C-alpha cells in the first residue's frame, strides 16, 4: 500500500483561538438542565437563571448538553427567558478563562 492512506501528523493540543464575545444585550451562560424539546435552564453570568430555547434556524446545528457554555440573548419582554445563540468549543472556553471573561469552575457564581 502507498503512503497516501496515512493521516498527516497533527498536534494533540488544540490551538487556543479567539472566541466571539457577547454583544450588547447578550450574556454568557452555562447550561444547568435540559427540559425537553428545545428548552433548557441556563445559569447566566449576570446572576439570573433563564429558561432558554434554541431558535429553529439553529436547532439542528447546536447539540447542547448540561455544563456547556453558551451565549444567551434575553427576551425584551420577559427577562426570565432567552434564546441560545452560540455554543463555545473547549478551546474557546479556555481562552475565555485566560482573558477573565469566564471564571474557573471552583468560583463560577
Protein backbone atom coordinates (compact mmCIF):
# COMPACT_ATOMS: atom_id res chain seq x y z
CA UNK A 1 0.00 0.00 0.00
CA UNK A 2 1.13 3.52 -0.72
CA UNK A 3 1.66 6.16 1.95
CA UNK A 4 -1.21 8.31 0.75
CA UNK A 5 -3.55 6.40 3.11
CA UNK A 6 -1.75 7.70 6.20
CA UNK A 7 -3.13 10.70 8.02
CA UNK A 8 -0.82 13.70 8.38
CA UNK A 9 0.78 14.28 11.77
CA UNK A 10 -1.33 16.64 13.85
CA UNK A 11 -0.59 18.12 17.23
CA UNK A 12 -2.54 16.76 20.20
CA UNK A 13 -3.00 20.22 21.75
CA UNK A 14 -5.91 22.22 20.36
CA UNK A 15 -4.86 25.69 19.31
CA UNK A 16 -6.27 28.40 21.55
CA UNK A 17 -8.21 30.77 19.35
CA UNK A 18 -10.18 33.91 19.96
CA UNK A 19 -13.79 33.40 20.92
CA UNK A 20 -16.70 35.65 19.97
CA UNK A 21 -17.72 37.79 22.93
CA UNK A 22 -21.33 38.64 23.76
CA UNK A 23 -22.61 41.82 22.13
CA UNK A 24 -24.82 44.45 23.74
CA UNK A 25 -27.77 42.78 25.45
CA UNK A 26 -26.25 39.27 25.33
CA UNK A 27 -24.90 37.25 28.27
CA UNK A 28 -22.63 34.23 28.71
CA UNK A 29 -24.33 31.31 30.46
CA UNK A 30 -23.79 27.69 31.48
CA UNK A 31 -26.48 25.10 30.76
CA UNK A 32 -27.84 23.71 34.02
CA UNK A 33 -30.54 21.29 32.86
CA UNK A 34 -32.28 20.17 29.67
CA UNK A 35 -36.06 20.48 29.95
CA UNK A 36 -37.07 18.62 26.80
CA UNK A 37 -37.54 19.68 23.22
CA UNK A 38 -35.53 22.79 22.53
CA UNK A 39 -35.76 24.26 26.06
CA UNK A 40 -33.20 24.33 28.88
CA UNK A 41 -32.36 26.13 32.12
CA UNK A 42 -29.24 28.29 31.82
CA UNK A 43 -27.33 29.96 34.67
CA UNK A 44 -26.18 33.29 33.26
CA UNK A 45 -23.16 35.25 34.48
CA UNK A 46 -25.39 38.20 35.40
CA UNK A 47 -26.73 36.07 38.28
CA UNK A 48 -30.08 35.10 36.76
CA UNK A 49 -31.33 31.65 35.82
CA UNK A 50 -33.20 31.74 32.50
CA UNK A 51 -35.49 29.31 30.69
CA UNK A 52 -33.89 29.38 27.24
CA UNK A 53 -34.77 27.88 23.89
CA UNK A 54 -32.84 27.14 20.72
CA UNK A 55 -34.30 29.01 17.72
CA UNK A 56 -35.47 26.87 14.81
CA UNK A 57 -32.67 28.01 12.50
CA UNK A 58 -30.07 26.66 14.95
CA UNK A 59 -31.96 23.60 16.23
CA UNK A 60 -30.04 21.05 14.15
CA UNK A 61 -26.68 22.87 14.26
CA UNK A 62 -26.35 23.11 18.06
CA UNK A 63 -26.06 19.92 20.08
CA UNK A 64 -26.29 21.08 23.69
CA UNK A 65 -25.69 19.25 26.96
CA UNK A 66 -25.55 20.32 30.62
CA UNK A 67 -22.32 22.17 31.54
CA UNK A 68 -21.93 23.61 28.00
CA UNK A 69 -21.05 27.32 27.83
CA UNK A 70 -23.33 29.37 25.56
CA UNK A 71 -24.28 32.92 24.63
CA UNK A 72 -27.84 33.83 25.63
CA UNK A 73 -29.93 36.71 24.33
CA UNK A 74 -32.57 37.60 26.97
CA UNK A 75 -36.05 38.41 25.71
CA UNK A 76 -37.09 42.07 25.80
CA UNK A 77 -40.50 41.49 27.41
CA UNK A 78 -39.63 38.71 29.87
CA UNK A 79 -36.14 38.76 31.41
CA UNK A 80 -36.52 35.23 32.79
CA UNK A 81 -36.46 33.74 29.26
CA UNK A 82 -34.00 33.89 26.39
CA UNK A 83 -32.61 32.41 23.19
CA UNK A 84 -29.37 30.41 22.86
CA UNK A 85 -27.29 31.94 20.06
CA UNK A 86 -23.91 30.17 20.19
CA UNK A 87 -22.12 27.27 21.87
CA UNK A 88 -18.46 27.71 22.80
CA UNK A 89 -15.94 24.98 21.98
CA UNK A 90 -13.48 23.72 24.61
CA UNK A 91 -10.52 25.71 23.31
CA UNK A 92 -12.68 28.87 23.23
CA UNK A 93 -13.71 28.25 26.85
CA UNK A 94 -10.03 28.06 27.84
CA UNK A 95 -9.39 31.38 26.04
CA UNK A 96 -12.35 32.99 27.86
CA UNK A 97 -10.95 31.81 31.21
CA UNK A 98 -7.48 33.14 30.38
CA UNK A 99 -8.89 36.54 29.41
CA UNK A 100 -11.04 36.72 32.57
CA UNK A 101 -14.44 36.67 30.85
CA UNK A 102 -15.35 33.32 32.44
CA UNK A 103 -14.47 32.33 35.99
CA UNK A 104 -12.94 28.96 36.91
CA UNK A 105 -15.25 26.11 37.88
CA UNK A 106 -14.36 26.46 41.56
CA UNK A 107 -15.64 30.04 41.76
CA UNK A 108 -18.20 30.24 38.98
CA UNK A 109 -21.05 32.00 40.74
